[in-house]
Protein backbone atom coordinates (compact mmCIF):
# COMPACT_ATOMS: atom_id res chain seq x y z
CA UNK A 1 -127.06 -36.81 7.42
CA UNK A 2 -124.08 -34.80 6.82
CA UNK A 3 -125.03 -35.28 2.91
CA UNK A 4 -128.50 -33.57 3.51
CA UNK A 5 -127.39 -30.90 5.80
CA UNK A 6 -124.79 -30.17 3.02
CA UNK A 7 -127.59 -30.04 0.38
CA UNK A 8 -129.73 -28.04 2.36
CA UNK A 9 -127.12 -25.45 2.97
CA UNK A 10 -125.86 -25.52 -0.38
CA UNK A 11 -129.68 -24.83 -1.63
CA UNK A 12 -130.01 -22.05 0.49
CA UNK A 13 -127.12 -20.21 -0.65
CA UNK A 14 -128.14 -20.96 -3.96
CA UNK A 15 -131.51 -19.58 -3.72
CA UNK A 16 -130.10 -16.20 -2.37
CA UNK A 17 -127.96 -15.83 -5.58
CA UNK A 18 -130.82 -16.41 -7.86
CA UNK A 19 -131.58 -13.58 -10.29
CA UNK A 20 -134.32 -13.25 -12.65
CA UNK A 21 -132.71 -14.16 -15.91
CA UNK A 22 -133.98 -14.43 -19.60
CA UNK A 23 -135.72 -17.80 -20.05
CA UNK A 24 -134.05 -18.13 -23.33
CA UNK A 25 -130.80 -18.61 -21.30
CA UNK A 26 -131.46 -20.03 -17.67
CA UNK A 27 -133.94 -21.88 -15.88
CA UNK A 28 -134.40 -22.16 -12.03
CA UNK A 29 -136.33 -24.93 -10.78
CA UNK A 30 -138.70 -24.70 -7.81
CA UNK A 31 -138.04 -26.77 -4.87
CA UNK A 32 -138.47 -30.39 -5.79
CA UNK A 33 -139.83 -31.93 -2.80
CA UNK A 34 -142.85 -30.07 -3.41
CA UNK A 35 -143.36 -31.99 -6.66
CA UNK A 36 -142.08 -35.59 -5.53
CA UNK A 37 -140.51 -36.63 -8.68
CA UNK A 38 -139.21 -39.96 -8.73
CA UNK A 39 -135.42 -40.68 -9.52
CA UNK A 40 -134.81 -42.97 -12.27
CA UNK A 41 -131.53 -44.47 -13.62
CA UNK A 42 -131.14 -42.46 -16.68
CA UNK A 43 -133.59 -39.74 -15.70
CA UNK A 44 -133.58 -37.08 -13.10
CA UNK A 45 -136.32 -34.29 -12.94
CA UNK A 46 -137.38 -34.74 -16.75
CA UNK A 47 -133.66 -34.31 -17.77
CA UNK A 48 -132.07 -37.15 -19.58
CA UNK A 49 -128.93 -38.34 -18.12
CA UNK A 50 -126.03 -40.17 -20.14
CA UNK A 51 -124.38 -43.63 -18.38
CA UNK A 52 -120.66 -42.54 -17.67
CA UNK A 53 -119.23 -45.79 -17.12
CA UNK A 54 -116.89 -45.42 -20.21
CA UNK A 55 -116.08 -42.04 -19.53
CA UNK A 56 -112.29 -40.56 -18.91
CA UNK A 57 -111.19 -37.37 -17.32
CA UNK A 58 -109.70 -35.33 -20.24
CA UNK A 59 -107.44 -33.92 -17.48
CA UNK A 60 -106.24 -36.79 -15.40
CA UNK A 61 -107.30 -39.74 -17.33
CA UNK A 62 -109.42 -41.44 -14.64
CA UNK A 63 -112.79 -43.07 -15.26
CA UNK A 64 -114.03 -42.42 -11.55
CA UNK A 65 -116.62 -39.86 -13.15
CA UNK A 66 -119.64 -38.38 -11.66
CA UNK A 67 -122.64 -36.95 -13.45
CA UNK A 68 -123.55 -33.41 -12.34
CA UNK A 69 -127.28 -32.82 -11.44
CA UNK A 70 -128.40 -29.61 -12.25
CA UNK A 71 -131.90 -28.13 -10.47
CA UNK A 72 -133.05 -29.15 -7.21
CA UNK A 73 -133.66 -33.20 -7.36
CA UNK A 74 -135.88 -34.76 -4.52
CA UNK A 75 -133.76 -36.23 -2.05
CA UNK A 76 -134.47 -40.04 -2.07
CA UNK A 77 -132.82 -43.19 -0.82
CA UNK A 78 -131.70 -44.07 -4.49
CA UNK A 79 -130.29 -40.52 -5.01
CA UNK A 80 -128.34 -40.84 -1.63
CA UNK A 81 -126.98 -44.37 -2.49
CA UNK A 82 -125.72 -42.45 -5.92
CA UNK A 83 -124.49 -39.63 -4.06
CA UNK A 84 -122.34 -41.95 -1.71
CA UNK A 85 -120.87 -44.06 -4.58
CA UNK A 86 -119.81 -41.06 -6.20
CA UNK A 87 -121.97 -41.24 -9.20
CA UNK A 88 -123.48 -37.91 -9.03
CA UNK A 89 -122.68 -34.57 -7.58
CA UNK A 90 -124.78 -31.34 -7.35
CA UNK A 91 -124.35 -28.42 -9.55
CA UNK A 92 -126.80 -25.63 -8.89
CA UNK A 93 -130.46 -24.77 -9.31
CA UNK A 94 -129.85 -23.05 -12.42
CA UNK A 95 -128.64 -24.55 -15.90
CA UNK A 96 -127.58 -23.19 -19.13
CA UNK A 97 -125.87 -24.80 -22.19
CA UNK A 98 -122.49 -24.44 -21.49
CA UNK A 99 -122.46 -25.64 -18.00
CA UNK A 100 -120.49 -28.57 -17.35
CA UNK A 101 -121.92 -32.15 -17.48
CA UNK A 102 -119.56 -34.57 -15.50
CA UNK A 103 -116.98 -34.14 -12.49
CA UNK A 104 -114.00 -35.99 -12.21
CA UNK A 105 -113.77 -37.73 -8.61
CA UNK A 106 -110.18 -37.72 -8.62
CA UNK A 107 -109.04 -34.24 -9.57
CA UNK A 108 -112.49 -32.58 -9.45
CA UNK A 109 -112.19 -31.18 -13.00
CA UNK A 110 -115.41 -30.51 -14.54
CA UNK A 111 -116.04 -31.20 -18.46
CA UNK A 112 -118.72 -31.71 -21.08
CA UNK A 113 -121.60 -29.36 -21.81
CA UNK A 114 -124.95 -30.04 -20.64
CA UNK A 115 -126.98 -28.51 -23.25
CA UNK A 116 -130.12 -29.04 -21.41
CA UNK A 117 -131.07 -25.41 -21.03
CA UNK A 118 -133.78 -25.16 -23.35
CA UNK A 119 -135.27 -28.61 -22.31
CA UNK A 120 -134.93 -27.38 -18.85
CA UNK A 121 -136.40 -24.20 -19.64
CA UNK A 122 -139.71 -25.91 -21.25
CA UNK A 123 -139.95 -28.22 -18.04
CA UNK A 124 -139.72 -25.27 -15.88
CA UNK A 125 -142.31 -23.37 -18.03
CA UNK A 126 -144.88 -25.93 -18.06
CA UNK A 127 -144.60 -26.93 -14.59
CA UNK A 128 -144.88 -23.57 -13.50
CA UNK A 129 -147.70 -22.41 -15.87
CA UNK A 130 -149.70 -25.49 -15.08
CA UNK A 131 -149.53 -24.49 -11.68
CA UNK A 132 -150.56 -20.72 -12.21
CA UNK A 133 -153.46 -21.84 -14.49
CA UNK A 134 -154.87 -24.45 -12.49
CA UNK A 135 -154.53 -22.79 -9.25
CA UNK A 136 -156.24 -19.94 -10.59
CA UNK A 137 -159.00 -21.88 -12.15
CA UNK A 138 -159.81 -24.02 -8.82
CA UNK A 139 -159.77 -20.90 -6.68
CA UNK A 140 -162.28 -19.08 -8.84
CA UNK A 141 -164.46 -22.58 -8.77
CA UNK A 142 -164.21 -22.40 -5.15
CA UNK A 143 -165.17 -19.06 -4.78
CA UNK A 144 -168.16 -18.98 -7.14
CA UNK A 145 -170.93 -20.27 -5.07
CA UNK A 146 -170.08 -17.51 -2.19
CA UNK A 147 -169.63 -14.53 -4.70
CA UNK A 148 -171.09 -11.28 -2.66
CA UNK A 149 -171.74 -13.13 0.65
CA UNK A 150 -170.11 -11.27 3.63
CA UNK A 151 -167.37 -12.29 5.33
CA UNK A 152 -168.03 -14.79 8.35
CA UNK A 153 -171.57 -15.67 7.14
CA UNK A 154 -170.25 -18.94 5.44
CA UNK A 155 -167.55 -21.21 5.76
CA UNK A 156 -166.01 -22.58 2.48
CA UNK A 157 -164.28 -26.06 2.97
CA UNK A 158 -164.44 -27.35 -0.51
CA UNK A 159 -166.12 -27.56 -3.75
CA UNK A 160 -169.64 -26.72 -3.72
CA UNK A 161 -172.44 -25.95 -6.04
CA UNK A 162 -175.37 -23.64 -6.46
CA UNK A 163 -175.46 -20.20 -4.10
CA UNK A 164 -174.82 -17.17 -5.81
CA UNK A 165 -174.81 -18.07 -9.71
CA UNK A 166 -176.76 -21.58 -9.16
CA UNK A 167 -173.61 -23.23 -11.21
CA UNK A 168 -172.53 -26.88 -10.61
CA UNK A 169 -169.86 -27.93 -8.31
CA UNK A 170 -166.65 -27.29 -10.01
CA UNK A 171 -167.64 -24.40 -12.38
CA UNK A 172 -165.20 -21.41 -13.02
CA UNK A 173 -166.39 -18.08 -13.94
CA UNK A 174 -165.15 -15.23 -16.19
CA UNK A 175 -162.13 -14.97 -14.29
CA UNK A 176 -160.51 -17.98 -15.64
CA UNK A 177 -162.25 -17.91 -18.91
CA UNK A 178 -160.41 -14.55 -19.60
CA UNK A 179 -157.17 -16.02 -18.50
CA UNK A 180 -157.32 -18.90 -20.64
CA UNK A 181 -158.23 -16.34 -23.43
CA UNK A 182 -154.71 -14.54 -22.54
CA UNK A 183 -153.27 -17.52 -22.50
CA UNK A 184 -154.33 -19.15 -25.69
CA UNK A 185 -153.53 -15.89 -27.45
CA UNK A 186 -150.09 -16.18 -26.26
CA UNK A 187 -149.40 -19.78 -27.09
CA UNK A 188 -151.10 -19.29 -30.57
CA UNK A 189 -149.16 -16.28 -31.51
CA UNK A 190 -146.06 -16.94 -29.80
CA UNK A 191 -146.03 -13.06 -28.08
CA UNK A 192 -148.42 -10.52 -26.76
CA UNK A 193 -151.13 -9.41 -29.45
CA UNK A 194 -153.59 -7.09 -28.20
CA UNK A 195 -155.73 -7.31 -31.09
CA UNK A 196 -155.79 -11.12 -31.15
CA UNK A 197 -156.66 -11.03 -27.45
CA UNK A 198 -159.46 -8.85 -27.83
CA UNK A 199 -161.06 -10.93 -30.23
CA UNK A 200 -160.63 -14.05 -28.40
CA UNK A 201 -162.38 -12.09 -25.24
CA UNK A 202 -165.20 -11.25 -27.80
CA UNK A 203 -165.50 -14.72 -28.47
CA UNK A 204 -165.93 -15.66 -25.13
CA UNK A 205 -168.24 -12.71 -24.22
CA UNK A 206 -170.45 -13.56 -27.15
CA UNK A 207 -170.15 -17.34 -27.93
CA UNK A 208 -169.14 -18.67 -24.35
CA UNK A 209 -165.76 -20.03 -25.77
CA UNK A 210 -163.00 -20.91 -22.93
CA UNK A 211 -166.08 -21.87 -20.46
CA UNK A 212 -166.96 -25.17 -19.07
CA UNK A 213 -170.66 -25.06 -20.34
CA UNK A 214 -170.75 -22.76 -23.36
CA UNK A 215 -171.92 -19.70 -21.50
CA UNK A 216 -170.35 -16.77 -20.00
CA UNK A 217 -171.38 -15.41 -16.67
CA UNK A 218 -170.28 -13.24 -13.86
CA UNK A 219 -169.09 -10.56 -16.51
CA UNK A 220 -168.07 -7.16 -14.74
CA UNK A 221 -169.35 -3.91 -15.95
CA UNK A 222 -166.06 -2.24 -17.01
CA UNK A 223 -165.41 -5.67 -19.15
CA UNK A 224 -168.91 -5.64 -20.43
CA UNK A 225 -168.50 -1.83 -21.57
CA UNK A 226 -164.81 -2.16 -22.83
CA UNK A 227 -165.69 -4.99 -25.04
CA UNK A 228 -168.95 -3.40 -26.58
CA UNK A 229 -167.18 0.00 -27.37
CA UNK A 230 -164.18 -1.36 -28.49
CA UNK A 231 -161.56 0.15 -26.21
CA UNK A 232 -160.69 -0.03 -22.34
CA UNK A 233 -162.36 2.39 -19.73
CA UNK A 234 -160.02 4.71 -18.14
CA UNK A 235 -162.00 6.39 -15.76
CA UNK A 236 -161.30 6.70 -11.83
CA UNK A 237 -164.46 4.46 -11.32
CA UNK A 238 -163.37 1.89 -13.70
CA UNK A 239 -160.61 0.23 -11.64
CA UNK A 240 -162.32 -3.17 -10.78
CA UNK A 241 -160.38 -6.36 -10.80
CA UNK A 242 -161.20 -7.65 -14.24
CA UNK A 243 -157.87 -7.26 -15.70
CA UNK A 244 -155.63 -8.23 -12.67
CA UNK A 245 -157.70 -11.59 -12.87
CA UNK A 246 -156.38 -12.47 -16.03
CA UNK A 247 -152.96 -11.19 -16.34
CA UNK A 248 -151.21 -14.19 -14.84
CA UNK A 249 -150.05 -15.87 -18.00
CA UNK A 250 -147.87 -13.00 -18.68
CA UNK A 251 -145.67 -14.08 -16.04
CA UNK A 252 -144.17 -16.72 -18.38
CA UNK A 253 -143.63 -14.73 -21.18
CA UNK A 254 -140.78 -12.00 -21.74
CA UNK A 255 -143.62 -9.35 -22.03
CA UNK A 256 -142.57 -5.68 -21.25
CA UNK A 257 -144.33 -3.58 -18.80
CA UNK A 258 -145.70 -1.49 -21.41
CA UNK A 259 -147.02 -4.77 -23.20
CA UNK A 260 -148.57 -5.99 -19.60
CA UNK A 261 -150.17 -2.78 -19.55
CA UNK A 262 -151.58 -2.89 -22.94
CA UNK A 263 -153.00 -6.26 -22.03
CA UNK A 264 -154.76 -4.35 -18.93
CA UNK A 265 -155.95 -1.70 -21.06
CA UNK A 266 -158.07 -3.79 -23.58
CA UNK A 267 -160.44 -3.63 -20.62
CA UNK A 268 -159.01 -1.63 -17.80
CA UNK A 269 -157.14 1.31 -18.73
CA UNK A 270 -156.57 3.56 -15.66
CA UNK A 271 -153.20 3.61 -14.52
CA UNK A 272 -154.08 1.92 -11.28
CA UNK A 273 -155.49 -1.14 -13.09
CA UNK A 274 -152.52 -1.34 -15.38
CA UNK A 275 -149.80 -0.89 -12.80
CA UNK A 276 -151.39 -3.52 -10.32
CA UNK A 277 -151.06 -6.05 -13.42
CA UNK A 278 -147.39 -5.07 -14.07
CA UNK A 279 -146.94 -5.60 -10.19
CA UNK A 280 -148.43 -8.75 -10.29
CA UNK A 281 -146.69 -10.37 -13.19
CA UNK A 282 -143.51 -9.26 -11.62
CA UNK A 283 -144.41 -10.74 -8.47
CA UNK A 284 -145.24 -14.02 -10.10
CA UNK A 285 -142.13 -13.99 -12.04
CA UNK A 286 -140.25 -13.61 -9.11
CA UNK A 287 -141.82 -16.21 -7.33
CA UNK A 288 -141.50 -18.75 -10.30
CA UNK A 289 -137.58 -17.90 -10.30
CA UNK A 290 -137.05 -18.70 -6.63
CA UNK A 291 -137.58 -15.56 -4.74
CA UNK A 292 -139.07 -15.37 -1.35
CA UNK A 293 -142.63 -13.60 -1.77
CA UNK A 294 -141.84 -11.33 0.94
CA UNK A 295 -138.75 -10.02 -1.08
CA UNK A 296 -140.71 -10.22 -4.33
CA UNK A 297 -143.46 -7.94 -3.03
CA UNK A 298 -141.05 -5.31 -1.32
CA UNK A 299 -139.22 -5.00 -5.08
CA UNK A 300 -142.22 -5.22 -7.39
CA UNK A 301 -145.23 -3.04 -5.46
CA UNK A 302 -145.47 0.47 -7.15
CA UNK A 303 -144.25 3.69 -5.57
CA UNK A 304 -147.64 5.09 -5.77
CA UNK A 305 -148.81 6.13 -2.19
CA UNK A 306 -152.31 3.92 -3.05
CA UNK A 307 -150.31 0.88 -3.26
CA UNK A 308 -148.32 1.67 0.07
CA UNK A 309 -150.26 -0.55 2.44
CA UNK A 310 -149.53 -3.58 0.63
CA UNK A 311 -145.82 -3.54 1.96
CA UNK A 312 -147.07 -3.88 5.04
CA UNK A 313 -150.14 -6.14 4.60
CA UNK A 314 -148.56 -9.30 5.90
CA UNK A 315 -149.02 -7.75 9.60
CA UNK A 316 -152.48 -6.84 9.07
CA UNK A 317 -155.56 -8.57 11.07
CA UNK A 318 -157.97 -10.37 8.98
CA UNK A 319 -160.65 -8.03 9.72
CA UNK A 320 -158.57 -5.13 8.22
CA UNK A 321 -158.21 -6.89 4.66
CA UNK A 322 -160.50 -5.64 2.11
CA UNK A 323 -161.87 -8.16 -0.36
CA UNK A 324 -163.95 -5.82 -2.46
CA UNK A 325 -163.88 -5.84 -6.42
CA UNK A 326 -161.54 -2.80 -6.51
CA UNK A 327 -158.17 -3.74 -7.78
CA UNK A 328 -155.63 -2.42 -5.25
CA UNK A 329 -157.97 -4.32 -2.68
CA UNK A 330 -157.77 -7.70 -4.79
CA UNK A 331 -154.07 -7.50 -5.21
CA UNK A 332 -153.52 -7.00 -1.21
CA UNK A 333 -156.05 -9.59 -0.26
CA UNK A 334 -154.50 -12.31 -2.46
CA UNK A 335 -151.17 -11.23 -1.23
CA UNK A 336 -152.11 -11.26 2.22
CA UNK A 337 -153.50 -14.82 1.85
CA UNK A 338 -150.34 -16.14 0.61
CA UNK A 339 -148.14 -14.51 3.00
CA UNK A 340 -150.39 -15.81 6.12
CA UNK A 341 -150.79 -19.42 4.99
CA UNK A 342 -148.41 -22.29 4.06
CA UNK A 343 -150.05 -24.38 1.38
CA UNK A 344 -152.04 -24.07 -1.81
CA UNK A 345 -155.22 -25.11 -0.16
CA UNK A 346 -155.09 -22.79 2.90
CA UNK A 347 -154.37 -19.88 0.76
CA UNK A 348 -157.37 -20.24 -1.64
CA UNK A 349 -159.73 -21.27 1.17
CA UNK A 350 -158.37 -18.11 3.28
CA UNK A 351 -159.41 -16.02 0.17
CA UNK A 352 -162.84 -17.53 -0.43
CA UNK A 353 -163.63 -17.24 3.15
CA UNK A 354 -162.75 -13.14 3.02
CA UNK A 355 -166.06 -12.84 1.66
CA UNK A 356 -167.20 -10.36 -1.18
CA UNK A 357 -165.61 -10.76 -4.32
CA UNK A 358 -164.59 -14.43 -3.30
CA UNK A 359 -164.14 -15.84 -6.83
CA UNK A 360 -161.79 -12.98 -8.15
CA UNK A 361 -159.78 -12.85 -4.83
CA UNK A 362 -159.34 -16.67 -5.19
CA UNK A 363 -158.39 -16.66 -8.47
CA UNK A 364 -155.81 -14.11 -8.18
CA UNK A 365 -154.53 -15.66 -4.78
CA UNK A 366 -154.59 -19.18 -6.40
CA UNK A 367 -152.63 -18.00 -9.43
CA UNK A 368 -149.88 -17.01 -6.94
CA UNK A 369 -150.18 -20.06 -4.85
CA UNK A 370 -150.16 -22.43 -7.73
CA UNK A 371 -146.54 -20.43 -8.55
CA UNK A 372 -145.44 -20.91 -5.59
CA UNK A 373 -146.40 -24.56 -4.57
CA UNK A 374 -146.91 -25.66 -7.93
CA UNK A 375 -149.48 -27.98 -9.44
CA UNK A 376 -148.82 -31.24 -7.38
CA UNK A 377 -149.98 -29.22 -4.34
CA UNK A 378 -153.37 -28.97 -5.33
CA UNK A 379 -155.83 -31.42 -3.93
CA UNK A 380 -156.41 -34.18 -6.50
CA UNK A 381 -160.12 -34.25 -5.63
CA UNK A 382 -160.28 -30.60 -6.24
CA UNK A 383 -158.76 -31.00 -9.66
CA UNK A 384 -161.17 -34.04 -10.36
CA UNK A 385 -164.09 -31.83 -9.53
CA UNK A 386 -163.02 -28.90 -11.60
CA UNK A 387 -165.21 -28.87 -14.84
CA UNK A 388 -163.64 -27.55 -17.89
CA UNK A 389 -160.16 -29.15 -17.52
CA UNK A 390 -160.14 -30.01 -21.36
CA UNK A 391 -160.21 -26.32 -22.10
CA UNK A 392 -157.68 -25.70 -19.80
CA UNK A 393 -155.42 -28.18 -20.99
CA UNK A 394 -155.95 -27.13 -24.66
CA UNK A 395 -155.01 -23.66 -23.67
CA UNK A 396 -152.05 -24.93 -21.97
CA UNK A 397 -150.47 -27.65 -24.25
CA UNK A 398 -152.63 -27.04 -27.46
């Protein structure tokens, strides 16, 4: 129990110190118990460990050496045994190339460079990205059948078919298709390329690329107009949620605020839409880095008075939460769902059951919940029922 309490306290202190860092330098892990990753003899949380029986401390000469575990490893009986035997010690939740790899149990000298930063960074990115993308797609698919239905005229409990768009169970809409086009562009180009993204959006719009069945549906008016005319719409009336729903992949890049705005502006160029996208990307980045959602919201909501209500939205009554297609309403509703639930499933179901723009609200909320709780927190049955997984995986992994 003492070891467990020490680990918990150490984790609390570490998380309080986490800051968003360049991903090419550091990698911070989400809490491991959410992923239930098994501990193996030579491997922990995907990072290769080296046997240490023949090592000696360069300071005192002792061969009583422990390996330093970086990240927040799942606390299992096997790990407890290794702790009790003095074979491992905990380092922290972040790792960089020059962090030490071993600690002497006699003199406490730490030595040996880990060199795991790049591997850790890639592991973190893939885990976070998969949670975000599948989280968004499943939220979208849950909401598709109920789009435009009024609050409390239905109850969504899981995947279903028919209703609004008469689509098979597990079908995602334009929300996820455009998110996948965004992701595929970033993965292919290696950076934000607005013209490449525009071409991919057009391929989806005209040919049904990035869809489960080869046909685009549920396309918003502003998106349609922007893709046809070749530039984004900037009128006050053009502030639907059509760019917010596809912006999440930029959270795992180092895109600047101006680059985020430019991606939004492919279709939605009004400052309300572009700033909502900037805000959401920063909130996702903060959550991925281990920051508390409340803190992430407080830090990253724009000063614009039209966004001010979001700072207080956690305390809103459900009846006061607006789930329309207006971009600020969607951002607020998604954050409200995440703040007032404690699991991925509860978050996306709460979003769908708000009614109105059910698929997009749940898509945005699902991306956030996927970042918060991870891919492994999503019901396996929902993943199995989701259509188009091969399209999703291709966009994530190539």
